[in-house]
Amino acid sequence: MTDQNNTLPPKTCTIEKLVTVDADVEKVINGEKTATRRNGRYADIDEVMTLKGVKIVVKNVYAQMLGEVTDQDAMQEGYENVEAYKQAILSIHPGMTWEPDMKVWVHEYERTE
């Protein structure tokens, strides 16, 4: 999988900023959240982040349009469906609009312990 890193653009932020909301940190630790979508690339495949002492490894990174997000994708994010995920994102980012053709970077991960 590491070969795929060569085809990804440079990171726009650091992995430490990938999951920062306390409720999301708890969801990741509990296995209820296994992906994070960001407007930039925050991690490389196989990169490890530590949340409250728990090691989480990034398994996949890829681009997706917001209009392609499915209920299954929203469940990876820790929400019951796309609408719940959309409302959560819009409440976190005041003034943001949900643009179906907006590209986001999906970071999928899992606990290493």
PDB file of N, CA and C in Angstrom:
ATOM      1  N   MET A   1       0.807  -1.210   0.000  1.00  0.00           N
ATOM      2  CA  MET A   1       0.000   0.000   0.000  1.00  0.00           C
ATOM      3  C   MET A   1       0.845   1.267   0.000  1.00  0.00           C
ATOM      4  N   THR A   2       2.020   1.187   0.534  1.00  0.00           N
ATOM      5  CA  THR A   2       2.852   2.369   0.651  1.00  0.00           C
ATOM      6  C   THR A   2       3.167   2.973  -0.716  1.00  0.00           C
ATOM      7  N   ASP A   3       3.197   2.152  -1.771  1.00  0.00           N
ATOM      8  CA  ASP A   3       3.464   2.677  -3.110  1.00  0.00           C
ATOM      9  C   ASP A   3       2.454   3.742  -3.506  1.00  0.00           C
ATOM     10  N   GLN A   4       1.229   3.607  -2.985  1.00  0.00           N
ATOM     11  CA  GLN A   4       0.176   4.567  -3.324  1.00  0.00           C
ATOM     12  C   GLN A   4       0.543   5.976  -2.849  1.00  0.00           C
ATOM     13  N   ASN A   5       1.353   6.085  -1.787  1.00  0.00           N
ATOM     14  CA  ASN A   5       1.761   7.399  -1.309  1.00  0.00           C
ATOM     15  C   ASN A   5       2.428   8.215  -2.404  1.00  0.00           C
ATOM     16  N   ASN A   6       3.102   7.544  -3.336  1.00  0.00           N
ATOM     17  CA  ASN A   6       3.782   8.254  -4.410  1.00  0.00           C
ATOM     18  C   ASN A   6       2.800   8.959  -5.339  1.00  0.00           C
ATOM     19  N   THR A   7       1.556   8.492  -5.418  1.00  0.00           N
ATOM     20  CA  THR A   7       0.581   9.097  -6.315  1.00  0.00           C
ATOM     21  C   THR A   7      -0.278  10.140  -5.611  1.00  0.00           C
ATOM     22  N   LEU A   8      -0.138  10.272  -4.301  1.00  0.00           N
ATOM     23  CA  LEU A   8      -0.920  11.250  -3.556  1.00  0.00           C
ATOM     24  C   LEU A   8      -0.208  12.599  -3.563  1.00  0.00           C
ATOM     25  N   PRO A   9      -0.982  13.687  -3.547  1.00  0.00           N
ATOM     26  CA  PRO A   9      -0.344  15.009  -3.474  1.00  0.00           C
ATOM     27  C   PRO A   9       0.271  15.211  -2.083  1.00  0.00           C
ATOM     28  N   PRO A  10       1.097  16.227  -1.935  1.00  0.00           N
ATOM     29  CA  PRO A  10       1.700  16.490  -0.619  1.00  0.00           C
ATOM     30  C   PRO A  10       0.624  16.746   0.435  1.00  0.00           C
ATOM     31  N   LYS A  11       0.960  16.426   1.678  1.00  0.00           N
ATOM     32  CA  LYS A  11       0.038  16.691   2.778  1.00  0.00           C
ATOM     33  C   LYS A  11      -0.140  18.194   2.935  1.00  0.00           C
ATOM     34  N   THR A  12      -1.346  18.604   3.320  1.00  0.00           N
ATOM     35  CA  THR A  12      -1.633  20.019   3.538  1.00  0.00           C
ATOM     36  C   THR A  12      -1.680  20.358   5.016  1.00  0.00           C
ATOM     37  N   CYS A  13      -1.643  19.341   5.867  1.00  0.00           N
ATOM     38  CA  CYS A  13      -1.693  19.535   7.308  1.00  0.00           C
ATOM     39  C   CYS A  13      -1.029  18.324   7.955  1.00  0.00           C
ATOM     40  N   THR A  14      -0.974  18.300   9.275  1.00  0.00           N
ATOM     41  CA  THR A  14      -0.339  17.183   9.965  1.00  0.00           C
ATOM     42  C   THR A  14      -1.384  16.236  10.547  1.00  0.00           C
ATOM     43  N   ILE A  15      -0.981  15.003  10.753  1.00  0.00           N
ATOM     44  CA  ILE A  15      -1.886  13.976  11.262  1.00  0.00           C
ATOM     45  C   ILE A  15      -2.447  14.350  12.643  1.00  0.00           C
ATOM     46  N   GLU A  16      -1.700  15.136  13.404  1.00  0.00           N
ATOM     47  CA  GLU A  16      -2.173  15.536  14.736  1.00  0.00           C
ATOM     48  C   GLU A  16      -3.467  16.346  14.672  1.00  0.00           C
ATOM     49  N   LYS A  17      -3.737  16.954  13.524  1.00  0.00           N
ATOM     50  CA  LYS A  17      -4.949  17.772  13.368  1.00  0.00           C
ATOM     51  C   LYS A  17      -6.091  17.007  12.710  1.00  0.00           C
ATOM     52  N   LEU A  18      -5.888  15.710  12.433  1.00  0.00           N
ATOM     53  CA  LEU A  18      -6.904  14.928  11.723  1.00  0.00           C
ATOM     54  C   LEU A  18      -8.167  14.748  12.559  1.00  0.00           C
ATOM     55  N   VAL A  19      -8.026  14.369  13.820  1.00  0.00           N
ATOM     56  CA  VAL A  19      -9.171  14.175  14.710  1.00  0.00           C
ATOM     57  C   VAL A  19      -8.917  15.007  15.963  1.00  0.00           C
ATOM     58  N   THR A  20      -9.678  16.099  16.116  1.00  0.00           N
ATOM     59  CA  THR A  20      -9.421  17.022  17.225  1.00  0.00           C
ATOM     60  C   THR A  20     -10.633  17.253  18.126  1.00  0.00           C
ATOM     61  N   VAL A  21     -11.840  16.997  17.643  1.00  0.00           N
ATOM     62  CA  VAL A  21     -13.047  17.206  18.448  1.00  0.00           C
ATOM     63  C   VAL A  21     -13.129  16.078  19.480  1.00  0.00           C
ATOM     64  N   ASP A  22     -13.288  16.438  20.754  1.00  0.00           N
ATOM     65  CA  ASP A  22     -13.285  15.439  21.834  1.00  0.00           C
ATOM     66  C   ASP A  22     -14.257  14.286  21.586  1.00  0.00           C
ATOM     67  N   ALA A  23     -15.465  14.594  21.143  1.00  0.00           N
ATOM     68  CA  ALA A  23     -16.450  13.535  20.894  1.00  0.00           C
ATOM     69  C   ALA A  23     -15.969  12.592  19.798  1.00  0.00           C
ATOM     70  N   ASP A  24     -15.298  13.141  18.779  1.00  0.00           N
ATOM     71  CA  ASP A  24     -14.765  12.311  17.697  1.00  0.00           C
ATOM     72  C   ASP A  24     -13.601  11.452  18.179  1.00  0.00           C
ATOM     73  N   VAL A  25     -12.759  12.007  19.036  1.00  0.00           N
ATOM     74  CA  VAL A  25     -11.649  11.234  19.595  1.00  0.00           C
ATOM     75  C   VAL A  25     -12.207  10.005  20.314  1.00  0.00           C
ATOM     76  N   GLU A  26     -13.239  10.201  21.116  1.00  0.00           N
ATOM     77  CA  GLU A  26     -13.855   9.078  21.838  1.00  0.00           C
ATOM     78  C   GLU A  26     -14.439   8.055  20.862  1.00  0.00           C
ATOM     79  N   LYS A  27     -15.083   8.531  19.796  1.00  0.00           N
ATOM     80  CA  LYS A  27     -15.642   7.620  18.791  1.00  0.00           C
ATOM     81  C   LYS A  27     -14.548   6.789  18.123  1.00  0.00           C
ATOM     82  N   VAL A  28     -13.407   7.415  17.834  1.00  0.00           N
ATOM     83  CA  VAL A  28     -12.293   6.684  17.206  1.00  0.00           C
ATOM     84  C   VAL A  28     -11.771   5.619  18.165  1.00  0.00           C
ATOM     85  N   ILE A  29     -11.528   6.005  19.408  1.00  0.00           N
ATOM     86  CA  ILE A  29     -11.000   5.070  20.398  1.00  0.00           C
ATOM     87  C   ILE A  29     -11.953   3.886  20.586  1.00  0.00           C
ATOM     88  N   ASN A  30     -13.265   4.164  20.560  1.00  0.00           N
ATOM     89  CA  ASN A  30     -14.272   3.113  20.759  1.00  0.00           C
ATOM     90  C   ASN A  30     -14.593   2.336  19.485  1.00  0.00           C
ATOM     91  N   GLY A  31     -13.963   2.691  18.351  1.00  0.00           N
ATOM     92  CA  GLY A  31     -14.200   1.992  17.097  1.00  0.00           C
ATOM     93  C   GLY A  31     -15.486   2.393  16.392  1.00  0.00           C
ATOM     94  N   GLU A  32     -16.119   3.473  16.840  1.00  0.00           N
ATOM     95  CA  GLU A  32     -17.372   3.950  16.235  1.00  0.00           C
ATOM     96  C   GLU A  32     -17.117   4.892  15.067  1.00  0.00           C
ATOM     97  N   LYS A  33     -15.887   5.356  14.932  1.00  0.00           N
ATOM     98  CA  LYS A  33     -15.489   6.260  13.842  1.00  0.00           C
ATOM     99  C   LYS A  33     -14.210   5.700  13.250  1.00  0.00           C
ATOM    100  N   THR A  34     -14.252   5.347  11.967  1.00  0.00           N
ATOM    101  CA  THR A  34     -13.096   4.727  11.323  1.00  0.00           C
ATOM    102  C   THR A  34     -12.623   5.516  10.101  1.00  0.00           C
ATOM    103  N   ALA A  35     -13.169   6.726   9.922  1.00  0.00           N
ATOM    104  CA  ALA A  35     -12.745   7.571   8.797  1.00  0.00           C
ATOM    105  C   ALA A  35     -12.983   9.034   9.135  1.00  0.00           C
ATOM    106  N   THR A  36     -12.158   9.879   8.533  1.00  0.00           N
ATOM    107  CA  THR A  36     -12.325  11.325   8.650  1.00  0.00           C
ATOM    108  C   THR A  36     -12.131  11.935   7.277  1.00  0.00           C
ATOM    109  N   ARG A  37     -13.069  12.791   6.897  1.00  0.00           N
ATOM    110  CA  ARG A  37     -12.983  13.535   5.639  1.00  0.00           C
ATOM    111  C   ARG A  37     -12.533  14.948   5.946  1.00  0.00           C
ATOM    112  N   ARG A  38     -11.554  15.412   5.186  1.00  0.00           N
ATOM    113  CA  ARG A  38     -11.021  16.767   5.343  1.00  0.00           C
ATOM    114  C   ARG A  38     -10.857  17.385   3.967  1.00  0.00           C
ATOM    115  N   ASN A  39     -10.778  18.726   3.928  1.00  0.00           N
ATOM    116  CA  ASN A  39     -10.612  19.390   2.635  1.00  0.00           C
ATOM    117  C   ASN A  39      -9.170  19.361   2.163  1.00  0.00           C
ATOM    118  N   GLY A  40      -8.289  18.781   2.952  1.00  0.00           N
ATOM    119  CA  GLY A  40      -6.898  18.599   2.570  1.00  0.00           C
ATOM    120  C   GLY A  40      -6.430  17.224   3.018  1.00  0.00           C
ATOM    121  N   ARG A  41      -5.208  16.901   2.649  1.00  0.00           N
ATOM    122  CA  ARG A  41      -4.655  15.598   3.027  1.00  0.00           C
ATOM    123  C   ARG A  41      -3.809  15.766   4.283  1.00  0.00           C
ATOM    124  N   TYR A  42      -4.195  15.044   5.348  1.00  0.00           N
ATOM    125  CA  TYR A  42      -3.566  15.199   6.662  1.00  0.00           C
ATOM    126  C   TYR A  42      -2.639  14.047   7.033  1.00  0.00           C
ATOM    127  N   ALA A  43      -2.680  12.948   6.288  1.00  0.00           N
ATOM    128  CA  ALA A  43      -1.896  11.776   6.684  1.00  0.00           C
ATOM    129  C   ALA A  43      -1.517  10.943   5.470  1.00  0.00           C
ATOM    130  N   ASP A  44      -0.473  10.162   5.656  1.00  0.00           N
ATOM    131  CA  ASP A  44      -0.040   9.177   4.672  1.00  0.00           C
ATOM    132  C   ASP A  44      -0.547   7.802   5.105  1.00  0.00           C
ATOM    133  N   ILE A  45      -0.666   6.896   4.161  1.00  0.00           N
ATOM    134  CA  ILE A  45      -1.006   5.513   4.460  1.00  0.00           C
ATOM    135  C   ILE A  45       0.094   4.943   5.355  1.00  0.00           C
ATOM    136  N   ASP A  46      -0.302   4.209   6.375  1.00  0.00           N
ATOM    137  CA  ASP A  46       0.570   3.590   7.380  1.00  0.00           C
ATOM    138  C   ASP A  46       1.084   4.579   8.425  1.00  0.00           C
ATOM    139  N   GLU A  47       0.725   5.848   8.333  1.00  0.00           N
ATOM    140  CA  GLU A  47       1.108   6.810   9.364  1.00  0.00           C
ATOM    141  C   GLU A  47       0.276   6.539  10.623  1.00  0.00           C
ATOM    142  N   VAL A  48       0.863   6.785  11.778  1.00  0.00           N
ATOM    143  CA  VAL A  48       0.196   6.492  13.051  1.00  0.00           C
ATOM    144  C   VAL A  48      -0.080   7.786  13.808  1.00  0.00           C
ATOM    145  N   MET A  49      -1.303   7.892  14.345  1.00  0.00           N
ATOM    146  CA  MET A  49      -1.627   8.994  15.250  1.00  0.00           C
ATOM    147  C   MET A  49      -1.928   8.378  16.612  1.00  0.00           C
ATOM    148  N   THR A  50      -1.689   9.140  17.664  1.00  0.00           N
ATOM    149  CA  THR A  50      -1.963   8.677  19.016  1.00  0.00           C
ATOM    150  C   THR A  50      -3.034   9.570  19.622  1.00  0.00           C
ATOM    151  N   LEU A  51      -4.144   8.956  20.036  1.00  0.00           N
ATOM    152  CA  LEU A  51      -5.250   9.669  20.662  1.00  0.00           C
ATOM    153  C   LEU A  51      -5.436   9.129  22.072  1.00  0.00           C
ATOM    154  N   LYS A  52      -5.165   9.967  23.056  1.00  0.00           N
ATOM    155  CA  LYS A  52      -5.276   9.564  24.468  1.00  0.00           C
ATOM    156  C   LYS A  52      -4.535   8.260  24.747  1.00  0.00           C
ATOM    157  N   GLY A  53      -3.343   8.142  24.175  1.00  0.00           N
ATOM    158  CA  GLY A  53      -2.510   6.975  24.408  1.00  0.00           C
ATOM    159  C   GLY A  53      -2.816   5.775  23.523  1.00  0.00           C
ATOM    160  N   VAL A  54      -3.834   5.872  22.675  1.00  0.00           N
ATOM    161  CA  VAL A  54      -4.216   4.772  21.787  1.00  0.00           C
ATOM    162  C   VAL A  54      -3.643   5.040  20.401  1.00  0.00           C
ATOM    163  N   LYS A  55      -2.942   4.053  19.858  1.00  0.00           N
ATOM    164  CA  LYS A  55      -2.349   4.205  18.523  1.00  0.00           C
ATOM    165  C   LYS A  55      -3.364   3.813  17.452  1.00  0.00           C
ATOM    166  N   ILE A  56      -3.491   4.703  16.458  1.00  0.00           N
ATOM    167  CA  ILE A  56      -4.408   4.527  15.336  1.00  0.00           C
ATOM    168  C   ILE A  56      -3.582   4.622  14.051  1.00  0.00           C
ATOM    169  N   VAL A  57      -3.715   3.618  13.177  1.00  0.00           N
ATOM    170  CA  VAL A  57      -2.934   3.619  11.939  1.00  0.00           C
ATOM    171  C   VAL A  57      -3.843   3.929  10.749  1.00  0.00           C
ATOM    172  N   VAL A  58      -3.360   4.786   9.861  1.00  0.00           N
ATOM    173  CA  VAL A  58      -4.100   5.148   8.651  1.00  0.00           C
ATOM    174  C   VAL A  58      -3.940   4.012   7.644  1.00  0.00           C
ATOM    175  N   LYS A  59      -5.055   3.473   7.179  1.00  0.00           N
ATOM    176  CA  LYS A  59      -5.042   2.328   6.266  1.00  0.00           C
ATOM    177  C   LYS A  59      -5.250   2.734   4.810  1.00  0.00           C
ATOM    178  N   ASN A  60      -5.927   3.848   4.578  1.00  0.00           N
ATOM    179  CA  ASN A  60      -6.199   4.265   3.206  1.00  0.00           C
ATOM    180  C   ASN A  60      -6.439   5.769   3.176  1.00  0.00           C
ATOM    181  N   VAL A  61      -6.060   6.407   2.085  1.00  0.00           N
ATOM    182  CA  VAL A  61      -6.291   7.835   1.854  1.00  0.00           C
ATOM    183  C   VAL A  61      -6.681   7.990   0.393  1.00  0.00           C
ATOM    184  N   TYR A  62      -7.833   8.642   0.155  1.00  0.00           N
ATOM    185  CA  TYR A  62      -8.272   8.839  -1.223  1.00  0.00           C
ATOM    186  C   TYR A  62      -9.214  10.037  -1.307  1.00  0.00           C
ATOM    187  N   ALA A  63      -9.386  10.553  -2.515  1.00  0.00           N
ATOM    188  CA  ALA A  63     -10.265  11.695  -2.753  1.00  0.00           C
ATOM    189  C   ALA A  63     -11.686  11.217  -3.015  1.00  0.00           C
ATOM    190  N   GLN A  64     -12.649  12.064  -2.621  1.00  0.00           N
ATOM    191  CA  GLN A  64     -14.069  11.768  -2.830  1.00  0.00           C
ATOM    192  C   GLN A  64     -14.810  13.103  -2.939  1.00  0.00           C
ATOM    193  N   MET A  65     -15.862  13.137  -3.720  1.00  0.00           N
ATOM    194  CA  MET A  65     -16.709  14.326  -3.796  1.00  0.00           C
ATOM    195  C   MET A  65     -17.781  14.220  -2.707  1.00  0.00           C
ATOM    196  N   LEU A  66     -18.149  15.351  -2.112  1.00  0.00           N
ATOM    197  CA  LEU A  66     -19.176  15.315  -1.064  1.00  0.00           C
ATOM    198  C   LEU A  66     -20.475  14.681  -1.573  1.00  0.00           C
ATOM    199  N   GLY A  67     -20.792  14.898  -2.834  1.00  0.00           N
ATOM    200  CA  GLY A  67     -22.001  14.319  -3.409  1.00  0.00           C
ATOM    201  C   GLY A  67     -21.961  12.799  -3.517  1.00  0.00           C
ATOM    202  N   GLU A  68     -20.770  12.213  -3.363  1.00  0.00           N
ATOM    203  CA  GLU A  68     -20.615  10.752  -3.425  1.00  0.00           C
ATOM    204  C   GLU A  68     -20.713  10.086  -2.052  1.00  0.00           C
ATOM    205  N   VAL A  69     -20.759  10.886  -0.987  1.00  0.00           N
ATOM    206  CA  VAL A  69     -20.809  10.323   0.368  1.00  0.00           C
ATOM    207  C   VAL A  69     -22.122   9.564   0.554  1.00  0.00           C
ATOM    208  N   THR A  70     -22.005   8.311   0.991  1.00  0.00           N
ATOM    209  CA  THR A  70     -23.162   7.438   1.198  1.00  0.00           C
ATOM    210  C   THR A  70     -23.473   7.310   2.688  1.00  0.00           C
ATOM    211  N   ASP A  71     -24.597   6.681   3.001  1.00  0.00           N
ATOM    212  CA  ASP A  71     -24.921   6.409   4.396  1.00  0.00           C
ATOM    213  C   ASP A  71     -23.824   5.556   5.033  1.00  0.00           C
ATOM    214  N   GLN A  72     -23.287   4.603   4.281  1.00  0.00           N
ATOM    215  CA  GLN A  72     -22.193   3.762   4.794  1.00  0.00           C
ATOM    216  C   GLN A  72     -20.970   4.614   5.134  1.00  0.00           C
ATOM    217  N   ASP A  73     -20.651   5.588   4.273  1.00  0.00           N
ATOM    218  CA  ASP A  73     -19.536   6.497   4.543  1.00  0.00           C
ATOM    219  C   ASP A  73     -19.807   7.295   5.818  1.00  0.00           C
ATOM    220  N   ALA A  74     -21.042   7.774   5.957  1.00  0.00           N
ATOM    221  CA  ALA A  74     -21.417   8.549   7.147  1.00  0.00           C
ATOM    222  C   ALA A  74     -21.278   7.699   8.409  1.00  0.00           C
ATOM    223  N   MET A  75     -21.601   6.410   8.307  1.00  0.00           N
ATOM    224  CA  MET A  75     -21.445   5.511   9.457  1.00  0.00           C
ATOM    225  C   MET A  75     -19.968   5.359   9.830  1.00  0.00           C
ATOM    226  N   GLN A  76     -19.081   5.338   8.827  1.00  0.00           N
ATOM    227  CA  GLN A  76     -17.635   5.311   9.113  1.00  0.00           C
ATOM    228  C   GLN A  76     -17.229   6.549   9.894  1.00  0.00           C
ATOM    229  N   GLU A  77     -17.911   7.644   9.632  1.00  0.00           N
ATOM    230  CA  GLU A  77     -17.631   8.914  10.302  1.00  0.00           C
ATOM    231  C   GLU A  77     -18.263   8.987  11.697  1.00  0.00           C
ATOM    232  N   GLY A  78     -19.083   7.977  12.033  1.00  0.00           N
ATOM    233  CA  GLY A  78     -19.703   7.945  13.351  1.00  0.00           C
ATOM    234  C   GLY A  78     -21.104   8.515  13.395  1.00  0.00           C
ATOM    235  N   TYR A  79     -21.755   8.623  12.240  1.00  0.00           N
ATOM    236  CA  TYR A  79     -23.118   9.165  12.159  1.00  0.00           C
ATOM    237  C   TYR A  79     -24.049   8.131  11.553  1.00  0.00           C
ATOM    238  N   GLU A  80     -25.358   8.262  11.820  1.00  0.00           N
ATOM    239  CA  GLU A  80     -26.301   7.238  11.353  1.00  0.00           C
ATOM    240  C   GLU A  80     -26.579   7.308   9.859  1.00  0.00           C
ATOM    241  N   ASN A  81     -26.441   8.492   9.254  1.00  0.00           N
ATOM    242  CA  ASN A  81     -26.682   8.624   7.817  1.00  0.00           C
ATOM    243  C   ASN A  81     -26.037   9.906   7.290  1.00  0.00           C
ATOM    244  N   VAL A  82     -26.128  10.084   5.982  1.00  0.00           N
ATOM    245  CA  VAL A  82     -25.491  11.246   5.345  1.00  0.00           C
ATOM    246  C   VAL A  82     -26.054  12.547   5.891  1.00  0.00           C
ATOM    247  N   GLU A  83     -27.356  12.626   6.081  1.00  0.00           N
ATOM    248  CA  GLU A  83     -27.965  13.872   6.556  1.00  0.00           C
ATOM    249  C   GLU A  83     -27.443  14.255   7.937  1.00  0.00           C
ATOM    250  N   ALA A  84     -27.317  13.280   8.835  1.00  0.00           N
ATOM    251  CA  ALA A  84     -26.791  13.562  10.185  1.00  0.00           C
ATOM    252  C   ALA A  84     -25.332  14.023  10.095  1.00  0.00           C
ATOM    253  N   TYR A  85     -24.556  13.375   9.229  1.00  0.00           N
ATOM    254  CA  TYR A  85     -23.156  13.765   9.032  1.00  0.00           C
ATOM    255  C   TYR A  85     -23.074  15.184   8.458  1.00  0.00           C
ATOM    256  N   LYS A  86     -23.888  15.450   7.445  1.00  0.00           N
ATOM    257  CA  LYS A  86     -23.911  16.767   6.799  1.00  0.00           C
ATOM    258  C   LYS A  86     -24.230  17.863   7.823  1.00  0.00           C
ATOM    259  N   GLN A  87     -25.255  17.647   8.641  1.00  0.00           N
ATOM    260  CA  GLN A  87     -25.642  18.649   9.630  1.00  0.00           C
ATOM    261  C   GLN A  87     -24.539  18.865  10.665  1.00  0.00           C
ATOM    262  N   ALA A  88     -23.855  17.788  11.060  1.00  0.00           N
ATOM    263  CA  ALA A  88     -22.752  17.912  12.018  1.00  0.00           C
ATOM    264  C   ALA A  88     -21.612  18.736  11.427  1.00  0.00           C
ATOM    265  N   ILE A  89     -21.259  18.451  10.178  1.00  0.00           N
ATOM    266  CA  ILE A  89     -20.174  19.189   9.513  1.00  0.00           C
ATOM    267  C   ILE A  89     -20.526  20.666   9.384  1.00  0.00           C
ATOM    268  N   LEU A  90     -21.746  20.951   8.957  1.00  0.00           N
ATOM    269  CA  LEU A  90     -22.157  22.342   8.778  1.00  0.00           C
ATOM    270  C   LEU A  90     -22.204  23.087  10.109  1.00  0.00           C
ATOM    271  N   SER A  91     -22.509  22.388  11.205  1.00  0.00           N
ATOM    272  CA  SER A  91     -22.546  23.057  12.516  1.00  0.00           C
ATOM    273  C   SER A  91     -21.133  23.329  13.035  1.00  0.00           C
ATOM    274  N   ILE A  92     -20.174  22.494  12.645  1.00  0.00           N
ATOM    275  CA  ILE A  92     -18.776  22.678  13.068  1.00  0.00           C
ATOM    276  C   ILE A  92     -18.116  23.801  12.271  1.00  0.00           C
ATOM    277  N   HIS A  93     -18.531  23.962  11.008  1.00  0.00           N
ATOM    278  CA  HIS A  93     -17.923  24.952  10.108  1.00  0.00           C
ATOM    279  C   HIS A  93     -18.959  26.004   9.701  1.00  0.00           C
ATOM    280  N   PRO A  94     -19.200  27.009  10.552  1.00  0.00           N
ATOM    281  CA  PRO A  94     -20.191  28.046  10.231  1.00  0.00           C
ATOM    282  C   PRO A  94     -19.874  28.726   8.898  1.00  0.00           C
ATOM    283  N   GLY A  95     -20.913  28.922   8.088  1.00  0.00           N
ATOM    284  CA  GLY A  95     -20.739  29.582   6.800  1.00  0.00           C
ATOM    285  C   GLY A  95     -20.413  28.630   5.665  1.00  0.00           C
ATOM    286  N   MET A  96     -20.062  27.396   5.989  1.00  0.00           N
ATOM    287  CA  MET A  96     -19.767  26.409   4.952  1.00  0.00           C
ATOM    288  C   MET A  96     -21.070  25.950   4.312  1.00  0.00           C
ATOM    289  N   THR A  97     -21.020  25.708   3.021  1.00  0.00           N
ATOM    290  CA  THR A  97     -22.162  25.100   2.343  1.00  0.00           C
ATOM    291  C   THR A  97     -21.741  23.718   1.868  1.00  0.00           C
ATOM    292  N   TRP A  98     -22.693  22.813   1.799  1.00  0.00           N
ATOM    293  CA  TRP A  98     -22.435  21.438   1.358  1.00  0.00           C
ATOM    294  C   TRP A  98     -22.505  21.443  -0.159  1.00  0.00           C
ATOM    295  N   GLU A  99     -21.355  21.429  -0.804  1.00  0.00           N
ATOM    296  CA  GLU A  99     -21.275  21.462  -2.263  1.00  0.00           C
ATOM    297  C   GLU A  99     -21.001  20.047  -2.775  1.00  0.00           C
ATOM    298  N   PRO A 100     -21.954  19.432  -3.509  1.00  0.00           N
ATOM    299  CA  PRO A 100     -21.774  18.055  -3.972  1.00  0.00           C
ATOM    300  C   PRO A 100     -20.499  17.828  -4.780  1.00  0.00           C
ATOM    301  N   ASP A 101     -19.995  18.865  -5.479  1.00  0.00           N
ATOM    302  CA  ASP A 101     -18.789  18.686  -6.291  1.00  0.00           C
ATOM    303  C   ASP A 101     -17.510  19.097  -5.562  1.00  0.00           C
ATOM    304  N   MET A 102     -17.613  19.365  -4.260  1.00  0.00           N
ATOM    305  CA  MET A 102     -16.426  19.699  -3.474  1.00  0.00           C
ATOM    306  C   MET A 102     -15.638  18.424  -3.171  1.00  0.00           C
ATOM    307  N   LYS A 103     -14.336  18.463  -3.487  1.00  0.00           N
ATOM    308  CA  LYS A 103     -13.472  17.312  -3.234  1.00  0.00           C
ATOM    309  C   LYS A 103     -12.986  17.342  -1.793  1.00  0.00           C
ATOM    310  N   VAL A 104     -13.064  16.179  -1.128  1.00  0.00           N
ATOM    311  CA  VAL A 104     -12.508  16.013   0.209  1.00  0.00           C
ATOM    312  C   VAL A 104     -11.561  14.819   0.187  1.00  0.00           C
ATOM    313  N   TRP A 105     -10.701  14.757   1.193  1.00  0.00           N
ATOM    314  CA  TRP A 105      -9.779  13.631   1.332  1.00  0.00           C
ATOM    315  C   TRP A 105     -10.280  12.735   2.445  1.00  0.00           C
ATOM    316  N   VAL A 106     -10.467  11.459   2.107  1.00  0.00           N
ATOM    317  CA  VAL A 106     -10.925  10.467   3.065  1.00  0.00           C
ATOM    318  C   VAL A 106      -9.697   9.798   3.674  1.00  0.00           C
ATOM    319  N   HIS A 107      -9.663   9.775   4.993  1.00  0.00           N
ATOM    320  CA  HIS A 107      -8.596   9.098   5.752  1.00  0.00           C
ATOM    321  C   HIS A 107      -9.268   7.973   6.521  1.00  0.00           C
ATOM    322  N   GLU A 108      -8.998   6.714   6.139  1.00  0.00           N
ATOM    323  CA  GLU A 108      -9.565   5.568   6.848  1.00  0.00           C
ATOM    324  C   GLU A 108      -8.501   5.000   7.768  1.00  0.00           C
ATOM    325  N   TYR A 109      -8.918   4.606   8.976  1.00  0.00           N
ATOM    326  CA  TYR A 109      -7.949   4.152   9.966  1.00  0.00           C
ATOM    327  C   TYR A 109      -8.540   3.117  10.901  1.00  0.00           C
ATOM    328  N   GLU A 110      -7.641   2.511  11.706  1.00  0.00           N
ATOM    329  CA  GLU A 110      -8.070   1.537  12.707  1.00  0.00           C
ATOM    330  C   GLU A 110      -7.057   1.512  13.844  1.00  0.00           C
ATOM    331  N   ARG A 111      -7.507   1.014  15.000  1.00  0.00           N
ATOM    332  CA  ARG A 111      -6.612   0.881  16.156  1.00  0.00           C
ATOM    333  C   ARG A 111      -5.523  -0.133  15.837  1.00  0.00           C
ATOM    334  N   THR A 112      -4.337   0.090  16.360  1.00  0.00           N
ATOM    335  CA  THR A 112      -3.251  -0.859  16.149  1.00  0.00           C
ATOM    336  C   THR A 112      -3.086  -1.785  17.340  1.00  0.00           C
ATOM    337  N   GLU A 113      -3.797  -1.509  18.426  1.00  0.00           N
ATOM    338  CA  GLU A 113      -3.659  -2.318  19.646  1.00  0.00           C
ATOM    339  C   GLU A 113      -4.867  -3.211  19.843  1.00  0.00           C
TER     340      GLU A 113
END
